[in-house]
């Protein structure tokens, strides 16, 4: 599993992305089984930053990777940055 995680993070960094965290989850059954030989798999949660245009390339690379069965990308909303305000005197 460690080698697979390293390969996934290498794909992200190769496109100029920055991996913040990876969370390895347990093996779980798939909710919808599309292939009877693949009824379950290990889940991995990767939080990373990459330019939006690189997601198409990343999706295509994972589609051709035999060790990656399914991929789901979600976009996090930008956190509000606190600004300093001063009251007029």
N, C-alpha and C. Protein backbone atom coordinates (compact mmCIF):
# COMPACT_ATOMS: atom_id res chain seq x y z
N UNK A 1 0.83 -1.19 0.00
CA UNK A 1 0.00 0.00 0.00
C UNK A 1 0.88 1.26 0.00
N UNK A 2 2.01 1.20 0.69
CA UNK A 2 2.90 2.37 0.75
C UNK A 2 3.40 2.75 -0.64
N UNK A 3 3.73 1.75 -1.47
CA UNK A 3 4.21 2.02 -2.82
C UNK A 3 3.12 2.68 -3.67
N UNK A 4 1.89 2.24 -3.50
CA UNK A 4 0.78 2.81 -4.26
C UNK A 4 0.54 4.25 -3.85
N UNK A 5 0.61 4.53 -2.56
CA UNK A 5 0.44 5.90 -2.08
C UNK A 5 1.54 6.79 -2.63
N UNK A 6 2.77 6.28 -2.65
CA UNK A 6 3.89 7.05 -3.20
C UNK A 6 3.69 7.35 -4.68
N UNK A 7 3.17 6.38 -5.43
CA UNK A 7 2.92 6.59 -6.86
C UNK A 7 1.82 7.62 -7.09
N UNK A 8 0.78 7.60 -6.27
CA UNK A 8 -0.31 8.56 -6.42
C UNK A 8 0.18 9.97 -6.10
N UNK A 9 0.92 10.13 -5.02
CA UNK A 9 1.43 11.45 -4.68
C UNK A 9 2.44 11.92 -5.71
N UNK A 10 3.20 11.00 -6.31
CA UNK A 10 4.15 11.37 -7.37
C UNK A 10 3.41 11.89 -8.60
N UNK A 11 2.26 11.31 -8.93
CA UNK A 11 1.46 11.79 -10.05
C UNK A 11 0.99 13.22 -9.80
N UNK A 12 0.58 13.50 -8.59
CA UNK A 12 0.09 14.84 -8.24
C UNK A 12 1.23 15.85 -8.30
N UNK A 13 2.37 15.52 -7.72
CA UNK A 13 3.49 16.46 -7.71
C UNK A 13 4.09 16.63 -9.11
N UNK A 14 3.97 15.62 -9.96
CA UNK A 14 4.49 15.73 -11.33
C UNK A 14 3.73 16.79 -12.12
N UNK A 15 2.49 17.05 -11.73
CA UNK A 15 1.68 18.07 -12.41
C UNK A 15 1.77 19.42 -11.70
N UNK A 16 2.71 19.55 -10.79
CA UNK A 16 2.90 20.82 -10.09
C UNK A 16 2.04 20.97 -8.86
N UNK A 17 1.43 19.89 -8.41
CA UNK A 17 0.58 19.94 -7.24
C UNK A 17 1.37 19.78 -5.96
N UNK A 18 0.72 20.10 -4.87
CA UNK A 18 1.34 20.00 -3.55
C UNK A 18 0.42 19.17 -2.66
N UNK A 19 0.90 18.02 -2.21
CA UNK A 19 0.12 17.14 -1.35
C UNK A 19 0.23 17.64 0.08
N UNK A 20 -0.92 17.90 0.71
CA UNK A 20 -0.92 18.37 2.09
C UNK A 20 -0.99 17.20 3.07
N UNK A 21 -1.96 16.30 2.87
CA UNK A 21 -2.08 15.14 3.75
C UNK A 21 -2.60 13.94 2.97
N UNK A 22 -2.28 12.76 3.47
CA UNK A 22 -2.87 11.53 2.95
C UNK A 22 -3.41 10.75 4.14
N UNK A 23 -4.58 10.17 3.94
CA UNK A 23 -5.21 9.40 5.00
C UNK A 23 -5.57 8.03 4.43
N UNK A 24 -4.88 7.01 4.89
CA UNK A 24 -5.14 5.64 4.45
C UNK A 24 -6.31 5.10 5.26
N UNK A 25 -7.31 4.60 4.55
CA UNK A 25 -8.48 4.03 5.22
C UNK A 25 -8.46 2.52 5.05
N UNK A 26 -9.35 1.87 5.73
CA UNK A 26 -9.42 0.42 5.67
C UNK A 26 -10.01 -0.05 4.35
N UNK A 27 -9.95 -1.36 4.16
CA UNK A 27 -10.58 -1.98 3.00
C UNK A 27 -12.09 -2.02 3.25
N UNK A 28 -12.85 -1.55 2.26
CA UNK A 28 -14.30 -1.48 2.40
C UNK A 28 -14.97 -2.03 1.15
N UNK A 29 -16.17 -2.58 1.30
CA UNK A 29 -16.89 -3.04 0.11
C UNK A 29 -17.41 -1.83 -0.67
N UNK A 30 -17.47 -1.97 -2.00
CA UNK A 30 -18.01 -0.91 -2.83
C UNK A 30 -19.53 -0.89 -2.71
N UNK A 31 -20.09 0.30 -2.70
CA UNK A 31 -21.55 0.43 -2.64
C UNK A 31 -22.18 -0.09 -3.93
N UNK A 32 -21.57 0.21 -5.06
CA UNK A 32 -22.03 -0.28 -6.36
C UNK A 32 -20.90 -1.08 -6.98
N UNK A 33 -21.12 -2.36 -7.13
CA UNK A 33 -20.10 -3.24 -7.69
C UNK A 33 -20.28 -3.27 -9.21
N UNK A 34 -19.26 -2.82 -9.94
CA UNK A 34 -19.31 -2.84 -11.40
C UNK A 34 -18.56 -4.03 -11.97
N UNK A 35 -17.68 -4.61 -11.17
CA UNK A 35 -16.90 -5.76 -11.60
C UNK A 35 -16.93 -6.78 -10.46
N UNK A 36 -17.43 -7.97 -10.72
CA UNK A 36 -17.57 -8.97 -9.66
C UNK A 36 -16.23 -9.36 -9.05
N UNK A 37 -15.15 -9.18 -9.79
CA UNK A 37 -13.83 -9.49 -9.26
C UNK A 37 -13.33 -8.38 -8.34
N UNK A 38 -13.91 -7.19 -8.44
CA UNK A 38 -13.51 -6.05 -7.61
C UNK A 38 -14.70 -5.63 -6.75
N UNK A 39 -14.99 -6.38 -5.70
CA UNK A 39 -16.12 -6.07 -4.83
C UNK A 39 -15.78 -5.14 -3.69
N UNK A 40 -14.47 -4.95 -3.47
CA UNK A 40 -14.03 -4.07 -2.39
C UNK A 40 -12.66 -3.50 -2.73
N UNK A 41 -12.23 -2.54 -1.94
CA UNK A 41 -10.93 -1.94 -2.18
C UNK A 41 -10.50 -1.08 -1.01
N UNK A 42 -9.25 -0.70 -1.02
CA UNK A 42 -8.71 0.19 0.00
C UNK A 42 -8.99 1.63 -0.41
N UNK A 43 -9.43 2.41 0.52
CA UNK A 43 -9.74 3.81 0.26
C UNK A 43 -8.58 4.67 0.74
N UNK A 44 -8.35 5.75 0.01
CA UNK A 44 -7.29 6.69 0.35
C UNK A 44 -7.83 8.10 0.15
N UNK A 45 -7.68 8.92 1.16
CA UNK A 45 -8.10 10.31 1.09
C UNK A 45 -6.85 11.17 0.97
N UNK A 46 -6.73 11.92 -0.13
CA UNK A 46 -5.56 12.75 -0.37
C UNK A 46 -6.03 14.20 -0.49
N UNK A 47 -5.49 15.04 0.33
CA UNK A 47 -5.78 16.48 0.26
C UNK A 47 -4.57 17.13 -0.39
N UNK A 48 -4.84 17.82 -1.51
CA UNK A 48 -3.75 18.42 -2.26
C UNK A 48 -4.23 19.68 -2.95
N UNK A 49 -3.26 20.47 -3.39
CA UNK A 49 -3.53 21.68 -4.15
C UNK A 49 -2.89 21.53 -5.52
N UNK A 50 -3.66 21.90 -6.55
CA UNK A 50 -3.16 21.84 -7.92
C UNK A 50 -3.98 22.83 -8.75
N UNK A 51 -3.40 23.29 -9.82
CA UNK A 51 -4.13 24.18 -10.71
C UNK A 51 -5.35 23.44 -11.27
N UNK A 52 -6.49 24.11 -11.40
CA UNK A 52 -7.71 23.45 -11.88
C UNK A 52 -7.55 22.76 -13.24
N UNK A 53 -6.76 23.31 -14.13
CA UNK A 53 -6.57 22.72 -15.44
C UNK A 53 -5.84 21.39 -15.40
N UNK A 54 -5.11 21.12 -14.33
CA UNK A 54 -4.35 19.88 -14.22
C UNK A 54 -5.23 18.71 -13.80
N UNK A 55 -6.45 18.98 -13.33
CA UNK A 55 -7.32 17.90 -12.88
C UNK A 55 -7.73 16.97 -14.01
N UNK A 56 -7.91 17.49 -15.21
CA UNK A 56 -8.28 16.65 -16.35
C UNK A 56 -7.14 15.68 -16.65
N UNK A 57 -5.93 16.18 -16.67
CA UNK A 57 -4.77 15.32 -16.91
C UNK A 57 -4.62 14.29 -15.80
N UNK A 58 -4.82 14.72 -14.57
CA UNK A 58 -4.70 13.81 -13.43
C UNK A 58 -5.77 12.72 -13.51
N UNK A 59 -6.99 13.09 -13.84
CA UNK A 59 -8.06 12.11 -13.98
C UNK A 59 -7.74 11.08 -15.06
N UNK A 60 -7.18 11.55 -16.19
CA UNK A 60 -6.80 10.65 -17.28
C UNK A 60 -5.67 9.70 -16.87
N UNK A 61 -4.72 10.20 -16.10
CA UNK A 61 -3.61 9.35 -15.64
C UNK A 61 -4.11 8.27 -14.69
N UNK A 62 -5.04 8.62 -13.81
CA UNK A 62 -5.58 7.63 -12.89
C UNK A 62 -6.48 6.64 -13.61
N UNK A 63 -7.13 7.06 -14.69
CA UNK A 63 -7.99 6.15 -15.45
C UNK A 63 -7.18 5.04 -16.11
N UNK A 64 -5.94 5.32 -16.46
CA UNK A 64 -5.10 4.31 -17.10
C UNK A 64 -4.26 3.52 -16.10
N UNK A 65 -4.31 3.92 -14.83
CA UNK A 65 -3.55 3.24 -13.78
C UNK A 65 -4.36 2.03 -13.29
N UNK A 66 -3.81 0.85 -13.41
CA UNK A 66 -4.54 -0.37 -13.05
C UNK A 66 -4.74 -0.56 -11.55
N UNK A 67 -3.94 0.09 -10.72
CA UNK A 67 -4.10 -0.06 -9.28
C UNK A 67 -5.15 0.89 -8.71
N UNK A 68 -5.53 1.92 -9.46
CA UNK A 68 -6.56 2.86 -9.02
C UNK A 68 -7.85 2.45 -9.69
N UNK A 69 -8.85 2.09 -8.87
CA UNK A 69 -10.11 1.61 -9.42
C UNK A 69 -11.11 2.72 -9.64
N UNK A 70 -11.26 3.61 -8.67
CA UNK A 70 -12.19 4.73 -8.77
C UNK A 70 -11.54 5.98 -8.21
N UNK A 71 -11.95 7.15 -8.76
CA UNK A 71 -11.40 8.43 -8.31
C UNK A 71 -12.55 9.41 -8.15
N UNK A 72 -12.50 10.20 -7.11
CA UNK A 72 -13.47 11.26 -6.89
C UNK A 72 -12.71 12.51 -6.46
N UNK A 73 -12.87 13.58 -7.23
CA UNK A 73 -12.25 14.86 -6.89
C UNK A 73 -13.33 15.79 -6.36
N UNK A 74 -13.04 16.46 -5.27
CA UNK A 74 -13.92 17.50 -4.76
C UNK A 74 -13.10 18.76 -4.56
N UNK A 75 -13.75 19.89 -4.71
CA UNK A 75 -13.06 21.17 -4.56
C UNK A 75 -13.47 21.79 -3.24
N UNK A 76 -12.48 22.11 -2.45
CA UNK A 76 -12.74 22.76 -1.16
C UNK A 76 -12.95 24.24 -1.40
N UNK A 77 -13.87 24.79 -0.65
CA UNK A 77 -14.07 26.23 -0.76
C UNK A 77 -12.90 26.94 -0.09
N UNK A 78 -12.60 28.10 -0.60
CA UNK A 78 -11.48 28.85 -0.04
C UNK A 78 -11.84 29.35 1.35
N UNK A 79 -10.92 29.18 2.26
CA UNK A 79 -11.13 29.65 3.62
C UNK A 79 -11.05 31.17 3.65
N UNK A 80 -11.92 31.75 4.42
CA UNK A 80 -11.90 33.20 4.54
C UNK A 80 -10.66 33.62 5.31
N UNK A 81 -9.90 34.51 4.73
CA UNK A 81 -8.70 34.98 5.41
C UNK A 81 -9.07 36.17 6.28
N UNK A 82 -8.65 36.13 7.53
CA UNK A 82 -8.99 37.24 8.41
C UNK A 82 -8.25 38.51 7.98
N UNK A 83 -8.94 39.59 8.02
CA UNK A 83 -8.33 40.87 7.68
C UNK A 83 -8.35 41.77 8.91
N UNK A 84 -7.33 42.54 9.03
CA UNK A 84 -7.26 43.48 10.15
C UNK A 84 -8.03 44.73 9.78
N UNK A 85 -8.89 45.13 10.66
CA UNK A 85 -9.63 46.38 10.42
C UNK A 85 -9.34 47.32 11.57
N UNK A 86 -9.34 48.59 11.23
CA UNK A 86 -9.12 49.60 12.26
C UNK A 86 -10.31 50.54 12.25
N UNK A 87 -10.68 50.96 13.39
CA UNK A 87 -11.78 51.91 13.51
C UNK A 87 -11.23 53.32 13.38
N UNK A 88 -11.94 54.18 12.66
CA UNK A 88 -11.44 55.56 12.54
C UNK A 88 -11.51 56.25 13.89
N UNK A 89 -10.58 57.19 14.12
CA UNK A 89 -10.53 57.93 15.38
C UNK A 89 -11.31 59.19 15.29
